[in-house]
Amino acid sequence: MADGLPCKFIKTIGLQIVNARDFSGSFGDNSGAIIMNETTEKILGWPNPVGEKI
């Protein structure tokens, strides 16, 4: 579970991940992780936001 969201949340609700990964118990603590949509990525001007800090 990641801050109240179950692991595999995106798959569970039927969305597709374009870049990166869903929340997962395999990666330890997800508390600092976010899932960003493509519109937010474009607004922030990040062609590859993986690893960026907000």
PDB file of N, CA and C in Angstrom:
ATOM      1  N   MET A   1       0.843  -1.180   0.000  1.00  0.00           N
ATOM      2  CA  MET A   1       0.000   0.000   0.000  1.00  0.00           C
ATOM      3  C   MET A   1       0.883   1.236   0.000  1.00  0.00           C
ATOM      4  N   ALA A   2       0.540   2.232  -0.773  1.00  0.00           N
ATOM      5  CA  ALA A   2       1.302   3.475  -0.876  1.00  0.00           C
ATOM      6  C   ALA A   2       0.428   4.641  -0.432  1.00  0.00           C
ATOM      7  N   ASP A   3       0.609   5.084   0.795  1.00  0.00           N
ATOM      8  CA  ASP A   3      -0.179   6.198   1.322  1.00  0.00           C
ATOM      9  C   ASP A   3      -1.672   6.023   1.079  1.00  0.00           C
ATOM     10  N   GLY A   4      -2.186   4.856   1.324  1.00  0.00           N
ATOM     11  CA  GLY A   4      -3.608   4.605   1.179  1.00  0.00           C
ATOM     12  C   GLY A   4      -4.020   4.052  -0.165  1.00  0.00           C
ATOM     13  N   LEU A   5      -3.132   4.088  -1.148  1.00  0.00           N
ATOM     14  CA  LEU A   5      -3.441   3.516  -2.463  1.00  0.00           C
ATOM     15  C   LEU A   5      -2.846   2.119  -2.544  1.00  0.00           C
ATOM     16  N   PRO A   6      -3.613   1.163  -3.022  1.00  0.00           N
ATOM     17  CA  PRO A   6      -3.074  -0.193  -3.134  1.00  0.00           C
ATOM     18  C   PRO A   6      -2.024  -0.289  -4.231  1.00  0.00           C
ATOM     19  N   CYS A   7      -1.076  -1.186  -4.036  1.00  0.00           N
ATOM     20  CA  CYS A   7      -0.107  -1.459  -5.098  1.00  0.00           C
ATOM     21  C   CYS A   7      -0.882  -1.938  -6.319  1.00  0.00           C
ATOM     22  N   LYS A   8      -0.373  -1.639  -7.483  1.00  0.00           N
ATOM     23  CA  LYS A   8      -1.026  -1.972  -8.761  1.00  0.00           C
ATOM     24  C   LYS A   8      -2.306  -1.161  -8.958  1.00  0.00           C
ATOM     25  N   PHE A   9      -2.370   0.017  -8.364  1.00  0.00           N
ATOM     26  CA  PHE A   9      -3.549   0.878  -8.436  1.00  0.00           C
ATOM     27  C   PHE A   9      -3.948   1.193  -9.875  1.00  0.00           C
ATOM     28  N   ILE A  10      -2.996   1.607 -10.691  1.00  0.00           N
ATOM     29  CA  ILE A  10      -3.299   2.015 -12.068  1.00  0.00           C
ATOM     30  C   ILE A  10      -3.894   0.854 -12.860  1.00  0.00           C
ATOM     31  N   LYS A  11      -3.285  -0.306 -12.747  1.00  0.00           N
ATOM     32  CA  LYS A  11      -3.803  -1.488 -13.454  1.00  0.00           C
ATOM     33  C   LYS A  11      -5.212  -1.824 -12.968  1.00  0.00           C
ATOM     34  N   THR A  12      -5.422  -1.703 -11.666  1.00  0.00           N
ATOM     35  CA  THR A  12      -6.716  -2.034 -11.078  1.00  0.00           C
ATOM     36  C   THR A  12      -7.840  -1.166 -11.643  1.00  0.00           C
ATOM     37  N   ILE A  13      -7.557   0.119 -11.864  1.00  0.00           N
ATOM     38  CA  ILE A  13      -8.611   0.998 -12.388  1.00  0.00           C
ATOM     39  C   ILE A  13      -8.604   1.091 -13.909  1.00  0.00           C
ATOM     40  N   GLY A  14      -7.701   0.339 -14.556  1.00  0.00           N
ATOM     41  CA  GLY A  14      -7.736   0.217 -16.005  1.00  0.00           C
ATOM     42  C   GLY A  14      -7.023   1.303 -16.788  1.00  0.00           C
ATOM     43  N   LEU A  15      -6.107   2.027 -16.159  1.00  0.00           N
ATOM     44  CA  LEU A  15      -5.336   3.030 -16.885  1.00  0.00           C
ATOM     45  C   LEU A  15      -4.044   2.414 -17.412  1.00  0.00           C
ATOM     46  N   GLN A  16      -3.398   3.103 -18.336  1.00  0.00           N
ATOM     47  CA  GLN A  16      -2.153   2.618 -18.922  1.00  0.00           C
ATOM     48  C   GLN A  16      -1.013   3.538 -18.503  1.00  0.00           C
ATOM     49  N   ILE A  17       0.098   2.956 -18.063  1.00  0.00           N
ATOM     50  CA  ILE A  17       1.292   3.733 -17.732  1.00  0.00           C
ATOM     51  C   ILE A  17       2.135   3.846 -18.996  1.00  0.00           C
ATOM     52  N   VAL A  18       2.482   5.081 -19.348  1.00  0.00           N
ATOM     53  CA  VAL A  18       3.256   5.348 -20.551  1.00  0.00           C
ATOM     54  C   VAL A  18       4.755   5.338 -20.236  1.00  0.00           C
ATOM     55  N   ASN A  19       5.126   5.850 -19.074  1.00  0.00           N
ATOM     56  CA  ASN A  19       6.522   5.988 -18.703  1.00  0.00           C
ATOM     57  C   ASN A  19       6.643   5.724 -17.200  1.00  0.00           C
ATOM     58  N   ALA A  20       7.537   4.860 -16.786  1.00  0.00           N
ATOM     59  CA  ALA A  20       7.797   4.551 -15.375  1.00  0.00           C
ATOM     60  C   ALA A  20       6.993   3.345 -14.909  1.00  0.00           C
ATOM     61  N   ARG A  21       6.452   3.408 -13.681  1.00  0.00           N
ATOM     62  CA  ARG A  21       5.823   2.235 -13.094  1.00  0.00           C
ATOM     63  C   ARG A  21       4.670   2.626 -12.167  1.00  0.00           C
ATOM     64  N   ASP A  22       3.865   1.645 -11.820  1.00  0.00           N
ATOM     65  CA  ASP A  22       2.788   1.806 -10.843  1.00  0.00           C
ATOM     66  C   ASP A  22       3.390   1.717  -9.444  1.00  0.00           C
ATOM     67  N   PHE A  23       2.631   2.049  -8.431  1.00  0.00           N
ATOM     68  CA  PHE A  23       3.065   1.813  -7.059  1.00  0.00           C
ATOM     69  C   PHE A  23       3.276   0.316  -6.882  1.00  0.00           C
ATOM     70  N   SER A  24       4.296  -0.058  -6.132  1.00  0.00           N
ATOM     71  CA  SER A  24       4.605  -1.472  -5.968  1.00  0.00           C
ATOM     72  C   SER A  24       5.289  -1.720  -4.636  1.00  0.00           C
ATOM     73  N   GLY A  25       4.934  -2.795  -3.973  1.00  0.00           N
ATOM     74  CA  GLY A  25       5.600  -3.200  -2.754  1.00  0.00           C
ATOM     75  C   GLY A  25       7.012  -3.687  -3.009  1.00  0.00           C
ATOM     76  N   SER A  26       7.344  -3.989  -4.255  1.00  0.00           N
ATOM     77  CA  SER A  26       8.672  -4.486  -4.622  1.00  0.00           C
ATOM     78  C   SER A  26       9.756  -3.420  -4.514  1.00  0.00           C
ATOM     79  N   PHE A  27       9.374  -2.158  -4.478  1.00  0.00           N
ATOM     80  CA  PHE A  27      10.351  -1.074  -4.459  1.00  0.00           C
ATOM     81  C   PHE A  27      10.460  -0.414  -3.097  1.00  0.00           C
ATOM     82  N   GLY A  28       9.931  -1.038  -2.068  1.00  0.00           N
ATOM     83  CA  GLY A  28      10.018  -0.458  -0.728  1.00  0.00           C
ATOM     84  C   GLY A  28       9.038   0.680  -0.530  1.00  0.00           C
ATOM     85  N   ASP A  29       9.528   1.751   0.037  1.00  0.00           N
ATOM     86  CA  ASP A  29       8.691   2.884   0.417  1.00  0.00           C
ATOM     87  C   ASP A  29       8.278   3.711  -0.796  1.00  0.00           C
ATOM     88  N   ASN A  30       6.996   3.816  -1.052  1.00  0.00           N
ATOM     89  CA  ASN A  30       6.454   4.641  -2.138  1.00  0.00           C
ATOM     90  C   ASN A  30       5.977   5.994  -1.641  1.00  0.00           C
ATOM     91  N   SER A  31       6.255   6.338  -0.381  1.00  0.00           N
ATOM     92  CA  SER A  31       5.654   7.535   0.212  1.00  0.00           C
ATOM     93  C   SER A  31       6.064   8.830  -0.498  1.00  0.00           C
ATOM     94  N   GLY A  32       7.195   8.856  -1.165  1.00  0.00           N
ATOM     95  CA  GLY A  32       7.607  10.052  -1.893  1.00  0.00           C
ATOM     96  C   GLY A  32       7.295   9.992  -3.371  1.00  0.00           C
ATOM     97  N   ALA A  33       6.626   8.942  -3.789  1.00  0.00           N
ATOM     98  CA  ALA A  33       6.348   8.743  -5.213  1.00  0.00           C
ATOM     99  C   ALA A  33       5.020   9.376  -5.608  1.00  0.00           C
ATOM    100  N   ILE A  34       4.953   9.812  -6.841  1.00  0.00           N
ATOM    101  CA  ILE A  34       3.690  10.322  -7.400  1.00  0.00           C
ATOM    102  C   ILE A  34       3.460   9.675  -8.754  1.00  0.00           C
ATOM    103  N   ILE A  35       2.234   9.721  -9.199  1.00  0.00           N
ATOM    104  CA  ILE A  35       1.899   9.321 -10.559  1.00  0.00           C
ATOM    105  C   ILE A  35       1.388  10.583 -11.244  1.00  0.00           C
ATOM    106  N   MET A  36       2.021  10.926 -12.358  1.00  0.00           N
ATOM    107  CA  MET A  36       1.742  12.170 -13.058  1.00  0.00           C
ATOM    108  C   MET A  36       1.107  11.854 -14.420  1.00  0.00           C
ATOM    109  N   ASN A  37       0.106  12.623 -14.795  1.00  0.00           N
ATOM    110  CA  ASN A  37      -0.472  12.409 -16.123  1.00  0.00           C
ATOM    111  C   ASN A  37       0.307  13.198 -17.179  1.00  0.00           C
ATOM    112  N   GLU A  38       0.068  12.900 -18.437  1.00  0.00           N
ATOM    113  CA  GLU A  38       0.815  13.527 -19.526  1.00  0.00           C
ATOM    114  C   GLU A  38       0.577  15.035 -19.619  1.00  0.00           C
ATOM    115  N   THR A  39      -0.601  15.498 -19.243  1.00  0.00           N
ATOM    116  CA  THR A  39      -0.877  16.935 -19.273  1.00  0.00           C
ATOM    117  C   THR A  39       0.017  17.671 -18.288  1.00  0.00           C
ATOM    118  N   THR A  40       0.164  17.128 -17.086  1.00  0.00           N
ATOM    119  CA  THR A  40       1.042  17.746 -16.085  1.00  0.00           C
ATOM    120  C   THR A  40       2.487  17.740 -16.563  1.00  0.00           C
ATOM    121  N   GLU A  41       2.899  16.646 -17.162  1.00  0.00           N
ATOM    122  CA  GLU A  41       4.252  16.535 -17.716  1.00  0.00           C
ATOM    123  C   GLU A  41       4.507  17.653 -18.733  1.00  0.00           C
ATOM    124  N   LYS A  42       3.542  17.906 -19.605  1.00  0.00           N
ATOM    125  CA  LYS A  42       3.681  18.954 -20.623  1.00  0.00           C
ATOM    126  C   LYS A  42       3.689  20.344 -19.999  1.00  0.00           C
ATOM    127  N   ILE A  43       2.830  20.586 -19.017  1.00  0.00           N
ATOM    128  CA  ILE A  43       2.772  21.889 -18.345  1.00  0.00           C
ATOM    129  C   ILE A  43       4.107  22.195 -17.663  1.00  0.00           C
ATOM    130  N   LEU A  44       4.703  21.177 -17.023  1.00  0.00           N
ATOM    131  CA  LEU A  44       5.981  21.369 -16.338  1.00  0.00           C
ATOM    132  C   LEU A  44       7.164  21.405 -17.308  1.00  0.00           C
ATOM    133  N   GLY A  45       6.935  20.983 -18.537  1.00  0.00           N
ATOM    134  CA  GLY A  45       7.990  21.004 -19.536  1.00  0.00           C
ATOM    135  C   GLY A  45       9.033  19.920 -19.351  1.00  0.00           C
ATOM    136  N   TRP A  46       8.637  18.806 -18.768  1.00  0.00           N
ATOM    137  CA  TRP A  46       9.551  17.694 -18.524  1.00  0.00           C
ATOM    138  C   TRP A  46       9.290  16.585 -19.537  1.00  0.00           C
ATOM    139  N   PRO A  47      10.164  16.410 -20.511  1.00  0.00           N
ATOM    140  CA  PRO A  47       9.960  15.344 -21.488  1.00  0.00           C
ATOM    141  C   PRO A  47      10.114  13.960 -20.854  1.00  0.00           C
ATOM    142  N   ASN A  48      10.869  13.873 -19.767  1.00  0.00           N
ATOM    143  CA  ASN A  48      11.035  12.610 -19.042  1.00  0.00           C
ATOM    144  C   ASN A  48      11.090  12.934 -17.547  1.00  0.00           C
ATOM    145  N   PRO A  49       9.939  12.976 -16.862  1.00  0.00           N
ATOM    146  CA  PRO A  49       9.907  13.404 -15.467  1.00  0.00           C
ATOM    147  C   PRO A  49      10.392  12.367 -14.448  1.00  0.00           C
ATOM    148  N   VAL A  50      10.717  11.162 -14.878  1.00  0.00           N
ATOM    149  CA  VAL A  50      11.152  10.135 -13.930  1.00  0.00           C
ATOM    150  C   VAL A  50      12.401  10.618 -13.207  1.00  0.00           C
ATOM    151  N   GLY A  51      12.326  10.630 -11.882  1.00  0.00           N
ATOM    152  CA  GLY A  51      13.452  11.038 -11.065  1.00  0.00           C
ATOM    153  C   GLY A  51      13.468  12.526 -10.701  1.00  0.00           C
ATOM    154  N   GLU A  52      12.595  13.312 -11.322  1.00  0.00           N
ATOM    155  CA  GLU A  52      12.520  14.742 -10.995  1.00  0.00           C
ATOM    156  C   GLU A  52      11.883  14.916  -9.614  1.00  0.00           C
ATOM    157  N   LYS A  53      12.193  16.029  -8.978  1.00  0.00           N
ATOM    158  CA  LYS A  53      11.598  16.346  -7.679  1.00  0.00           C
ATOM    159  C   LYS A  53      10.663  17.533  -7.834  1.00  0.00           C
ATOM    160  N   ILE A  54       9.515  17.415  -7.179  1.00  0.00           N
ATOM    161  CA  ILE A  54       8.522  18.494  -7.229  1.00  0.00           C
ATOM    162  C   ILE A  54       8.602  19.258  -5.924  1.00  0.00           C
TER     163      ILE A  54
END
